[in-house]
C-alpha cells in the first residue's frame, strides 16, 4: 500500500525510436563489411536491446529513373522490403546533379525535424541515431535539451567528433556486430584493395560530405 503523499515513479522501460541515415549506413557497411544486405528488423531489435520500440525511420534519396533505370529498379525492390518491415517508416528526399556528383536534397532536414518533433510530442524517451554525420550535432543537442536521451550508432572510423561528443551514449559498430544481421548467409566477397579505392567506399573518418549516387 502506498500513502497518498508518497511520490509515484514511472518505472516503464524507456521507449526507443530509431532514426537511420540510409546513405550514411550504406557507405559505412560497404566500407567496413563489404556488404549491405541488412535485416532492418533484426538490426532495430539489437539496437533496442530489449527496450520497447516506438518506430524505425529510414531516410534516403529516391533514385532517378531517367539517369539510371536499373539502379532505380534495384532501389524499388529494396524499398519494398522496408515497406513490409513492421513499425518502419520510409522518408525519401530528392537528389540533384552538381557537375559529376549527385548530392542529397532534404534528407538532413527530415531527420532533424523528426528527431525534434517527436521529442517535443513525447513519443520516445531514447533516440538512436544511426549516422556518423556531424551535421546532426546541433539537432541532437536540441533533443537533449528537451529531456530526451540520444545514442549515436556508427562505426568509429565513420563518426564525426562533434557528433560523438554531443551524444549521451555511443553504440560502436564492428563487422562482428552485423554478423547475425545479414539477410543472406554468405561470406563477403574478396577484395584486397584499400577501402578508399573501392567504389563507394570512401573513407570519411572525422568528416562527412554529401553521399554519391551509389547508395541505396
Protein backbone atom coordinates (compact mmCIF):
# COMPACT_ATOMS: atom_id res chain seq x y z
CA UNK A 1 0.00 0.00 0.00
CA UNK A 2 1.23 3.47 -0.84
CA UNK A 3 0.28 6.50 1.19
CA UNK A 4 -1.45 9.38 -0.56
CA UNK A 5 1.62 11.54 -0.04
CA UNK A 6 4.10 9.01 -1.36
CA UNK A 7 5.50 10.02 -4.70
CA UNK A 8 4.87 7.57 -7.51
CA UNK A 9 7.61 6.95 -10.05
CA UNK A 10 7.23 5.84 -13.64
CA UNK A 11 9.06 2.52 -13.92
CA UNK A 12 8.19 1.82 -17.54
CA UNK A 13 11.16 0.87 -19.73
CA UNK A 14 12.26 3.74 -21.98
CA UNK A 15 10.62 3.88 -25.40
CA UNK A 16 13.09 3.83 -28.27
CA UNK A 17 12.85 5.47 -31.69
CA UNK A 18 15.47 4.55 -34.29
CA UNK A 19 16.46 7.08 -36.95
CA UNK A 20 18.57 5.63 -39.79
CA UNK A 21 20.55 7.81 -42.18
CA UNK A 22 20.34 5.28 -45.01
CA UNK A 23 23.05 6.59 -47.28
CA UNK A 24 25.49 7.01 -44.41
CA UNK A 25 24.80 3.49 -43.20
CA UNK A 26 25.10 2.05 -46.72
CA UNK A 27 28.56 3.52 -47.29
CA UNK A 28 29.72 2.57 -43.78
CA UNK A 29 28.65 -1.05 -44.28
CA UNK A 30 30.24 -1.16 -47.71
CA UNK A 31 33.47 0.23 -46.35
CA UNK A 32 33.69 -1.82 -43.16
CA UNK A 33 31.83 -5.04 -44.04
CA UNK A 34 31.92 -5.07 -47.86
CA UNK A 35 28.22 -5.91 -47.92
CA UNK A 36 24.93 -4.24 -47.03
CA UNK A 37 22.16 -6.89 -47.18
CA UNK A 38 20.94 -5.93 -43.73
CA UNK A 39 17.87 -7.30 -41.96
CA UNK A 40 16.50 -4.00 -40.66
CA UNK A 41 14.01 -5.57 -38.26
CA UNK A 42 16.73 -7.63 -36.57
CA UNK A 43 19.00 -4.58 -36.64
CA UNK A 44 16.45 -2.44 -34.79
CA UNK A 45 15.81 -5.19 -32.25
CA UNK A 46 19.52 -5.38 -31.50
CA UNK A 47 19.75 -1.62 -31.12
CA UNK A 48 16.77 -1.57 -28.75
CA UNK A 49 18.32 -4.31 -26.59
CA UNK A 50 15.03 -5.39 -25.05
CA UNK A 51 13.52 -1.91 -24.71
CA UNK A 52 10.16 -1.25 -26.40
CA UNK A 53 10.43 0.07 -29.94
CA UNK A 54 8.25 3.01 -30.88
CA UNK A 55 9.17 3.15 -34.56
CA UNK A 56 12.05 2.94 -37.06
CA UNK A 57 12.59 5.76 -39.54
CA UNK A 58 14.71 5.20 -42.63
CA UNK A 59 15.89 8.18 -44.70
CA UNK A 60 17.42 8.25 -48.16
CA UNK A 61 17.03 9.80 -51.61
CA UNK A 62 14.87 8.43 -54.37
CA UNK A 63 16.95 7.30 -57.32
CA UNK A 64 16.42 8.97 -60.69
CA UNK A 65 14.76 6.53 -63.11
CA UNK A 66 15.95 8.53 -66.13
CA UNK A 67 19.56 8.73 -65.01
CA UNK A 68 19.94 5.05 -64.09
CA UNK A 69 16.86 2.83 -64.69
CA UNK A 70 18.50 -0.32 -63.31
CA UNK A 71 19.57 1.39 -60.10
CA UNK A 72 16.04 2.75 -59.76
CA UNK A 73 14.56 -0.74 -60.10
CA UNK A 74 17.05 -2.17 -57.62
CA UNK A 75 16.16 0.53 -55.12
CA UNK A 76 12.44 -0.14 -55.56
CA UNK A 77 12.99 -3.79 -54.65
CA UNK A 78 14.98 -2.74 -51.61
CA UNK A 79 12.31 -0.22 -50.56
CA UNK A 80 9.55 -2.80 -50.94
CA UNK A 81 11.31 -4.86 -48.27
CA UNK A 82 11.45 -1.84 -45.98
CA UNK A 83 7.77 -1.04 -46.53
CA UNK A 84 6.95 -4.58 -45.37
CA UNK A 85 9.03 -4.25 -42.19
CA UNK A 86 6.81 -3.73 -39.12
CA UNK A 87 7.00 -0.31 -37.46
CA UNK A 88 9.31 1.11 -40.12
CA UNK A 89 8.63 4.37 -41.96
CA UNK A 90 10.48 5.35 -45.13
CA UNK A 91 11.30 9.02 -45.72
CA UNK A 92 12.64 9.85 -49.19
CA UNK A 93 14.33 13.04 -50.26
CA UNK A 94 15.44 14.03 -53.72
CA UNK A 95 18.80 14.33 -55.45
CA UNK A 96 20.43 16.98 -57.60
CA UNK A 97 23.34 16.69 -60.01
CA UNK A 98 26.21 19.10 -59.45
CA UNK A 99 28.80 18.52 -62.12
CA UNK A 100 29.53 14.79 -62.00
CA UNK A 101 28.33 14.41 -58.40
CA UNK A 102 24.82 13.50 -57.26
CA UNK A 103 24.01 15.07 -53.88
CA UNK A 104 21.15 14.58 -51.46
CA UNK A 105 18.47 17.20 -51.01
CA UNK A 106 16.29 17.41 -47.94
CA UNK A 107 17.37 14.29 -46.06
CA UNK A 108 19.19 16.01 -43.19
CA UNK A 109 16.24 18.35 -42.67
CA UNK A 110 13.83 15.41 -42.47
CA UNK A 111 15.99 13.59 -39.91
CA UNK A 112 16.43 16.67 -37.73
CA UNK A 113 12.75 17.61 -37.95
CA UNK A 114 11.55 14.13 -36.97
CA UNK A 115 14.04 13.93 -34.10
CA UNK A 116 12.84 17.23 -32.69
CA UNK A 117 9.10 16.97 -33.36
CA UNK A 118 8.75 13.53 -31.86
CA UNK A 119 10.80 14.52 -28.84
CA UNK A 120 8.57 17.57 -28.39
CA UNK A 121 5.46 15.35 -28.71
CA UNK A 122 6.93 12.94 -26.13
CA UNK A 123 6.71 9.94 -28.48
CA UNK A 124 10.00 8.43 -27.35
CA UNK A 125 12.40 8.50 -24.42
CA UNK A 126 15.58 7.44 -26.21
CA UNK A 127 16.51 8.28 -29.78
CA UNK A 128 19.06 6.07 -31.51
CA UNK A 129 20.54 7.94 -34.47
CA UNK A 130 22.30 5.61 -36.92
CA UNK A 131 24.71 8.02 -38.55
CA UNK A 132 28.14 9.48 -38.08
CA UNK A 133 27.36 12.78 -39.80
CA UNK A 134 28.48 15.77 -37.76
CA UNK A 135 25.76 17.93 -39.32
CA UNK A 136 23.30 16.38 -36.85
CA UNK A 137 25.15 17.59 -33.75
CA UNK A 138 23.01 20.70 -33.19
CA UNK A 139 19.74 18.78 -33.57
CA UNK A 140 20.97 16.16 -31.11
CA UNK A 141 21.78 18.87 -28.57
CA UNK A 142 18.30 20.35 -29.02
CA UNK A 143 16.70 16.93 -28.40
CA UNK A 144 18.77 16.53 -25.24
CA UNK A 145 17.61 19.97 -24.10
CA UNK A 146 14.03 18.66 -24.34
CA UNK A 147 14.89 15.99 -21.78
CA UNK A 148 15.44 13.04 -24.11
CA UNK A 149 18.45 10.76 -24.35
CA UNK A 150 20.28 10.35 -27.66
CA UNK A 151 22.51 7.42 -28.60
CA UNK A 152 24.69 7.64 -31.70
CA UNK A 153 25.28 4.34 -33.51
CA UNK A 154 28.14 4.24 -36.02
CA UNK A 155 31.49 2.72 -36.92
CA UNK A 156 34.20 4.62 -35.02
CA UNK A 157 36.09 5.37 -38.25
CA UNK A 158 32.96 6.97 -39.72
CA UNK A 159 31.91 9.01 -36.70
CA UNK A 160 32.37 12.79 -36.72
CA UNK A 161 33.93 14.03 -33.50
CA UNK A 162 31.35 16.77 -32.97
CA UNK A 163 28.52 14.23 -33.09
CA UNK A 164 30.35 11.77 -30.83
CA UNK A 165 30.96 14.48 -28.25
CA UNK A 166 27.36 15.68 -28.05
CA UNK A 167 25.77 12.21 -27.74
CA UNK A 168 24.58 10.85 -24.40
CA UNK A 169 26.00 7.47 -25.36
CA UNK A 170 27.56 5.74 -28.35
CA UNK A 171 26.92 2.32 -29.90
CA UNK A 172 30.09 1.43 -31.80
CA UNK A 173 29.66 -0.87 -34.76
CA UNK A 174 32.12 -3.57 -35.83
CA UNK A 175 31.88 -6.14 -38.63
CA UNK A 176 31.16 -8.74 -35.93
CA UNK A 177 28.22 -6.68 -34.69
CA UNK A 178 26.44 -7.28 -38.02
CA UNK A 179 27.39 -10.95 -38.43
CA UNK A 180 23.96 -12.30 -37.33
CA UNK A 181 22.02 -9.50 -39.06
CA UNK A 182 22.59 -10.25 -42.75
CA UNK A 183 19.68 -11.47 -44.86
CA UNK A 184 21.91 -13.77 -46.92
CA UNK A 185 24.18 -16.18 -45.13
CA UNK A 186 27.27 -15.87 -47.26
CA UNK A 187 30.85 -14.75 -46.89
CA UNK A 188 31.73 -11.23 -48.01
CA UNK A 189 33.30 -11.04 -51.48
CA UNK A 190 37.07 -10.92 -51.58
CA UNK A 191 38.52 -7.52 -52.30
CA UNK A 192 42.09 -6.81 -51.33
CA UNK A 193 42.05 -3.18 -52.45
CA UNK A 194 42.13 -0.46 -49.77
CA UNK A 195 38.69 0.81 -48.68
CA UNK A 196 39.30 4.25 -50.18
CA UNK A 197 39.90 2.68 -53.61
CA UNK A 198 36.72 0.59 -53.72
CA UNK A 199 33.68 2.05 -55.44
CA UNK A 200 31.54 3.91 -52.93
CA UNK A 201 33.97 3.03 -50.14
CA UNK A 202 35.49 6.43 -49.48
CA UNK A 203 36.96 6.63 -46.01
CA UNK A 204 35.45 9.58 -44.23
CA UNK A 205 36.93 9.33 -40.75
CA UNK A 206 36.11 12.54 -38.93
CA UNK A 207 34.27 14.37 -41.70
CA UNK A 208 31.31 13.82 -43.95
CA UNK A 209 30.34 15.19 -47.33
CA UNK A 210 27.10 14.53 -49.14
CA UNK A 211 26.83 11.00 -50.39
CA UNK A 212 27.04 9.94 -54.02
CA UNK A 213 24.55 8.15 -56.20
CA UNK A 214 25.51 4.56 -55.35
CA UNK A 215 23.66 4.49 -52.04
CA UNK A 216 20.50 2.50 -51.51
